[in-house]
Amino acid sequence: MEKLLSAAKFFGFPNDFPVTVIAKYPQYFCILNRNKRHQVLKLMEWDESLAITEFEKKAKTNAKEKGLGEIETRGKPLAFKMKYSAGMQIKKKVLEKVEKWQKLPYVCPYQQVDWVDDGSVLAERKVAALLHEVLSLTIEKKILIEVIGAFREEFDLPQRVARAFNRFPGIFYISLKGNVHTVFLREAYNKRHLLEEHPLITLKWKYHKMIQDGPRLRSMGFKATNIVENVAKVPLRSLEPNELIINDDLSSDEIESADEFVFTDSEEDIQQET
């Protein structure tokens, strides 16, 4: 529960969600060790219909829009969307590795993956899919690395979580601004802004604008009860806090990770899965 509380704001959970949310749905959740210091959240029943990633949902939607009908995503060669920083130099052999890697089966983080060997190329696909799903579920498509690192055991992530993100420089971007390590989902941003604005973000900025413009509206004769309604009519300013801070000067970590795209450069693994 401590780990979930530290991640709450990134997923739009209220600070008191153990009481306001979890307690209301005992058919879904159960808090173990309730009277002890370290509490544990347990899922009471697995619902297979919910076990589909945001990545799979988009793939299915795109297929229908192209007239391909309903497609199967599990174990199929679904490619991740890749975006790179301007000026990022990637060697030809690395791009060839990426192209082969993109043609391997998609490994859904919600399915049993006993058939995936540790350290294999498919294990890379599993890690990428899991990290992609976590970021896709956040309201701003970003999260602190230290927060997701706290779930390393639950998510079966490598010891060095930041290194795991750096393995996929076209999918994720790590900002070191203010000595705070924040990882972004690249495909969710157009240059510096989110492509899709979550309703909670809109609500947050309306609240900020109410605080900022409330005194001015009151001085103009608006009653306090009508300030919120009038603020809502004022266009929101650019969402600067959601900006993806990208400098064209890449860090040595990013360049290094681009050259070492996969943990295992195993031709045998690639041949077996293709």
Protein backbone atom coordinates (compact mmCIF):
# COMPACT_ATOMS: atom_id res chain seq x y z
CA MET A 1 0.00 0.00 0.00
CA GLU A 2 2.90 2.36 0.70
CA LYS A 3 4.11 1.91 -2.86
CA LEU A 4 0.65 2.57 -4.28
CA LEU A 5 0.28 5.71 -2.18
CA SER A 6 3.58 7.04 -3.54
CA ALA A 7 2.29 6.47 -7.09
CA ALA A 8 -1.27 7.72 -6.49
CA LYS A 9 -0.98 11.18 -8.03
CA PHE A 10 0.50 9.85 -11.27
CA PHE A 11 -2.57 7.68 -11.85
CA GLY A 12 -5.07 10.26 -10.67
CA PHE A 13 -5.92 8.46 -7.43
CA PRO A 14 -7.04 10.58 -4.45
CA ASN A 15 -4.66 10.56 -1.49
CA ASP A 16 -7.25 8.75 0.59
CA PHE A 17 -8.10 6.15 -2.08
CA PRO A 18 -7.73 3.20 0.37
CA VAL A 19 -10.81 4.60 2.14
CA THR A 20 -12.72 6.39 -0.61
CA VAL A 21 -12.19 3.81 -3.36
CA ILE A 22 -10.86 0.45 -2.21
CA ALA A 23 -13.17 0.15 0.80
CA LYS A 24 -16.22 0.67 -1.43
CA TYR A 25 -15.44 -2.34 -3.63
CA PRO A 26 -14.77 -5.34 -1.36
CA GLN A 27 -15.76 -7.65 -4.24
CA TYR A 28 -12.66 -6.47 -6.11
CA PHE A 29 -10.08 -5.57 -3.45
CA CYS A 30 -8.99 -6.61 -0.01
CA ILE A 31 -6.47 -4.94 2.29
CA LEU A 32 -4.35 -7.46 4.17
CA ASN A 33 -2.54 -6.71 7.44
CA ARG A 34 -4.99 -3.85 7.97
CA ASN A 35 -3.91 -3.19 11.54
CA LYS A 36 -0.20 -3.52 10.87
CA ARG A 37 2.37 -1.05 9.57
CA HIS A 38 2.84 -2.67 6.17
CA GLN A 39 -0.51 -3.22 4.50
CA VAL A 40 -0.96 -5.20 1.30
CA LEU A 41 -3.58 -4.77 -1.41
CA LYS A 42 -4.99 -8.00 -2.82
CA LEU A 43 -7.03 -8.46 -6.00
CA MET A 44 -9.96 -10.67 -5.08
CA GLU A 45 -10.84 -11.91 -8.55
CA TRP A 46 -9.07 -11.82 -11.92
CA ASP A 47 -11.20 -10.45 -14.77
CA GLU A 48 -9.74 -11.60 -18.07
CA SER A 49 -11.90 -9.11 -20.02
CA LEU A 50 -9.94 -6.26 -18.39
CA ALA A 51 -6.56 -7.86 -19.08
CA ILE A 52 -5.86 -5.95 -22.28
CA THR A 53 -3.21 -3.26 -22.56
CA GLU A 54 -3.69 0.24 -23.92
CA PHE A 55 -1.24 -0.76 -26.65
CA GLU A 56 -3.49 -3.66 -27.71
CA LYS A 57 -6.60 -1.47 -27.61
CA LYS A 58 -5.01 1.01 -30.01
CA ALA A 59 -3.81 -1.78 -32.30
CA LYS A 60 -7.32 -3.21 -32.49
CA THR A 61 -8.85 0.22 -33.11
CA ASN A 62 -6.36 1.03 -35.87
CA ALA A 63 -7.03 -2.33 -37.51
CA LYS A 64 -10.78 -1.69 -37.58
CA GLU A 65 -10.25 1.79 -39.01
CA LYS A 66 -8.20 0.25 -41.82
CA GLY A 67 -10.95 -2.28 -42.55
CA LEU A 68 -9.03 -5.25 -41.18
CA GLY A 69 -11.72 -6.18 -38.68
CA GLU A 70 -10.98 -7.79 -35.34
CA ILE A 71 -7.33 -8.81 -35.02
CA GLU A 72 -5.44 -11.02 -32.57
CA THR A 73 -2.71 -9.23 -30.64
CA ARG A 74 -1.24 -11.88 -28.34
CA GLY A 75 1.90 -13.38 -29.82
CA LYS A 76 1.62 -11.29 -32.98
CA PRO A 77 4.39 -9.02 -34.33
CA LEU A 78 3.00 -5.67 -33.19
CA ALA A 79 5.49 -2.81 -33.57
CA PHE A 80 5.99 -0.14 -30.93
CA LYS A 81 5.84 3.45 -32.12
CA MET A 82 9.34 4.90 -32.18
CA LYS A 83 10.26 8.58 -31.88
CA TYR A 84 13.78 9.93 -31.43
CA SER A 85 15.16 13.26 -30.31
CA ALA A 86 16.39 15.57 -33.04
CA GLY A 87 20.07 15.04 -33.60
CA MET A 88 20.20 11.60 -32.05
CA GLN A 89 22.75 9.52 -33.90
CA ILE A 90 21.93 5.82 -34.19
CA LYS A 91 24.19 3.36 -35.96
CA LYS A 92 22.88 1.40 -38.93
CA LYS A 93 23.45 -1.95 -37.23
CA VAL A 94 21.37 -0.75 -34.27
CA LEU A 95 18.49 0.22 -36.55
CA GLU A 96 18.69 -3.23 -38.12
CA LYS A 97 18.43 -4.78 -34.66
CA VAL A 98 15.43 -2.60 -33.87
CA GLU A 99 13.71 -3.63 -37.11
CA LYS A 100 14.17 -7.33 -36.27
CA TRP A 101 13.06 -6.71 -32.71
CA GLN A 102 9.86 -4.98 -33.88
CA LYS A 103 8.90 -8.06 -35.89
CA LEU A 104 8.96 -10.34 -32.84
CA PRO A 105 5.73 -11.35 -31.06
CA TYR A 106 4.10 -8.88 -28.68
CA VAL A 107 4.33 -10.18 -25.10
CA CYS A 108 1.37 -8.88 -23.10
CA PRO A 109 2.26 -8.13 -19.45
CA TYR A 110 -1.11 -9.53 -18.34
CA GLN A 111 -0.55 -13.02 -19.75
CA GLN A 112 1.43 -15.93 -18.36
CA VAL A 113 4.92 -15.76 -19.88
CA ASP A 114 6.59 -18.90 -18.57
CA TRP A 115 7.63 -19.62 -22.15
CA VAL A 116 9.78 -16.47 -22.27
CA ASP A 117 13.36 -17.18 -21.22
CA ASP A 118 15.12 -14.66 -18.99
CA GLY A 119 17.71 -12.62 -20.88
CA SER A 120 16.22 -13.44 -24.28
CA VAL A 121 15.10 -10.98 -26.92
CA LEU A 122 11.49 -11.83 -26.08
CA ALA A 123 12.20 -10.92 -22.47
CA GLU A 124 13.09 -7.47 -23.81
CA ARG A 125 9.69 -7.32 -25.48
CA LYS A 126 8.03 -8.24 -22.19
CA VAL A 127 9.80 -5.47 -20.28
CA ALA A 128 9.04 -2.90 -22.98
CA ALA A 129 5.35 -3.89 -23.01
CA LEU A 130 5.07 -3.67 -19.24
CA LEU A 131 6.75 -0.26 -18.97
CA HIS A 132 4.67 1.00 -21.90
CA GLU A 133 1.47 -0.10 -20.14
CA VAL A 134 2.39 1.54 -16.84
CA LEU A 135 3.09 4.89 -18.50
CA SER A 136 -0.03 4.60 -20.68
CA LEU A 137 -2.16 4.35 -17.53
CA THR A 138 -0.74 7.52 -15.96
CA ILE A 139 -2.73 10.70 -16.53
CA GLU A 140 0.24 12.65 -17.92
CA LYS A 141 2.07 9.69 -19.52
CA LYS A 142 5.03 10.22 -17.22
CA ILE A 143 6.24 8.98 -13.85
CA LEU A 144 9.25 9.29 -11.57
CA ILE A 145 11.70 6.44 -12.07
CA GLU A 146 12.07 6.04 -8.31
CA VAL A 147 8.31 5.49 -8.03
CA ILE A 148 8.14 2.74 -10.63
CA GLY A 149 11.41 1.37 -9.29
CA ALA A 150 9.66 0.65 -6.02
CA PHE A 151 7.60 -1.97 -7.91
CA ARG A 152 10.66 -3.72 -9.29
CA GLU A 153 9.88 -6.98 -7.49
CA GLU A 154 6.16 -6.97 -8.37
CA PHE A 155 6.87 -6.18 -12.03
CA ASP A 156 9.93 -8.44 -12.26
CA LEU A 157 12.05 -5.56 -13.57
CA PRO A 158 15.85 -5.51 -13.89
CA GLN A 159 17.90 -4.32 -10.92
CA ARG A 160 18.65 -1.01 -12.63
CA VAL A 161 15.22 0.27 -13.65
CA ALA A 162 16.53 3.42 -15.36
CA ARG A 163 18.72 1.19 -17.49
CA ALA A 164 15.63 -0.74 -18.57
CA PHE A 165 14.03 2.46 -19.90
CA ASN A 166 17.27 3.49 -21.58
CA ARG A 167 17.22 0.24 -23.56
CA PHE A 168 14.33 1.67 -25.56
CA PRO A 169 15.28 5.27 -26.44
CA GLY A 170 12.67 5.44 -29.20
CA ILE A 171 9.82 4.51 -26.84
CA PHE A 172 10.76 6.33 -23.64
CA TYR A 173 12.55 9.54 -22.76
CA ILE A 174 14.22 10.22 -19.43
CA SER A 175 14.43 13.81 -18.22
CA LEU A 176 17.05 14.69 -15.62
CA LYS A 177 15.72 18.20 -15.04
CA GLY A 178 16.36 19.40 -11.50
CA ASN A 179 18.18 16.16 -10.74
CA VAL A 180 14.79 14.43 -10.77
CA HIS A 181 14.57 11.38 -13.04
CA THR A 182 11.25 11.46 -14.86
CA VAL A 183 10.41 9.05 -17.67
CA PHE A 184 7.99 10.04 -20.46
CA LEU A 185 6.15 7.97 -23.05
CA ARG A 186 7.36 9.57 -26.27
CA GLU A 187 4.38 8.67 -28.46
CA ALA A 188 2.03 10.51 -26.10
CA TYR A 189 3.70 13.85 -26.83
CA ASN A 190 3.92 16.14 -29.83
CA LYS A 191 7.11 18.02 -29.24
CA ARG A 192 6.39 19.53 -25.80
CA HIS A 193 2.69 18.85 -25.31
CA LEU A 194 0.43 15.92 -24.59
CA LEU A 195 -1.57 14.74 -27.60
CA GLU A 196 -4.56 13.72 -25.48
CA GLU A 197 -5.45 15.71 -22.40
CA HIS A 198 -6.82 13.74 -19.48
CA PRO A 199 -10.00 15.23 -17.89
CA LEU A 200 -8.21 15.53 -14.53
CA ILE A 201 -5.58 17.78 -16.13
CA THR A 202 -8.29 20.07 -17.50
CA LEU A 203 -9.93 20.16 -14.07
CA LYS A 204 -6.61 20.95 -12.42
CA TRP A 205 -6.00 23.97 -14.64
CA LYS A 206 -9.55 25.24 -14.18
CA TYR A 207 -8.92 25.12 -10.45
CA HIS A 208 -5.60 26.94 -10.86
CA LYS A 209 -7.28 29.55 -13.00
CA MET A 210 -10.02 30.03 -10.42
CA ILE A 211 -7.37 30.71 -7.78
CA GLN A 212 -5.50 33.04 -10.13
CA ASP A 213 -8.44 34.97 -11.55
CA GLY A 214 -10.92 34.69 -8.67
CA PRO A 215 -9.96 37.98 -6.96
CA ARG A 216 -10.11 39.84 -10.28
CA LEU A 217 -13.56 38.48 -11.13
CA ARG A 218 -14.81 39.30 -7.63
CA SER A 219 -13.61 42.89 -8.01
CA MET A 220 -15.57 43.04 -11.28
CA GLY A 221 -18.77 42.33 -9.39
CA PHE A 222 -19.11 38.57 -9.78
CA LYS A 223 -20.45 36.73 -6.77
CA ALA A 224 -18.26 34.02 -5.26
CA THR A 225 -20.79 31.35 -6.23
CA ASN A 226 -20.48 32.37 -9.90
CA ILE A 227 -16.71 32.68 -10.10
CA VAL A 228 -16.19 29.02 -11.03
CA GLU A 229 -18.75 29.27 -13.84
CA ASN A 230 -17.09 32.37 -15.29
CA VAL A 231 -13.57 30.96 -14.95
CA ALA A 232 -14.68 27.89 -16.89
CA LYS A 233 -15.44 30.16 -19.87
CA VAL A 234 -11.93 31.56 -19.96
CA PRO A 235 -9.57 29.66 -22.33
CA LEU A 236 -6.98 27.62 -20.50
CA ARG A 237 -3.35 28.52 -20.89
CA SER A 238 -0.79 26.11 -22.34
CA LEU A 239 -0.09 23.13 -20.12
CA GLU A 240 3.56 23.96 -19.54
CA PRO A 241 4.02 21.62 -16.56
CA ASN A 242 3.21 18.72 -18.89
CA GLU A 243 5.89 19.69 -21.33
CA LEU A 244 8.30 17.05 -22.46
CA ILE A 245 11.64 18.71 -21.84
CA ILE A 246 13.89 17.54 -24.64
CA ASN A 247 17.29 18.94 -25.41
CA ASP A 248 18.91 18.06 -28.70
CA ASP A 249 22.13 17.35 -26.81
CA LEU A 250 21.73 13.73 -25.81
CA SER A 251 23.15 12.28 -22.65
CA SER A 252 25.85 9.64 -22.85
CA ASP A 253 23.39 7.16 -21.37
CA GLU A 254 20.95 7.61 -24.26
CA ILE A 255 23.65 7.23 -26.91
CA GLU A 256 25.04 4.19 -25.16
CA SER A 257 21.63 2.60 -24.80
CA ALA A 258 20.90 3.14 -28.47
CA ASP A 259 24.03 1.19 -29.34
CA GLU A 260 23.05 -1.61 -26.95
CA PHE A 261 19.39 -1.88 -27.83
CA VAL A 262 18.90 -5.47 -26.65
CA PHE A 263 20.34 -7.30 -23.69
CA THR A 264 21.04 -10.36 -25.83
CA ASP A 265 22.04 -10.13 -29.45
CA SER A 266 21.00 -13.73 -29.98
CA GLU A 267 20.36 -14.72 -33.58
CA GLU A 268 19.04 -18.04 -32.27
CA ASP A 269 16.28 -16.30 -30.29
CA ILE A 270 15.26 -14.24 -33.30
CA GLN A 271 15.20 -17.26 -35.61
CA GLN A 272 13.16 -19.33 -33.16
CA GLU A 273 10.47 -16.66 -32.80
CA THR A 274 10.28 -15.75 -36.51
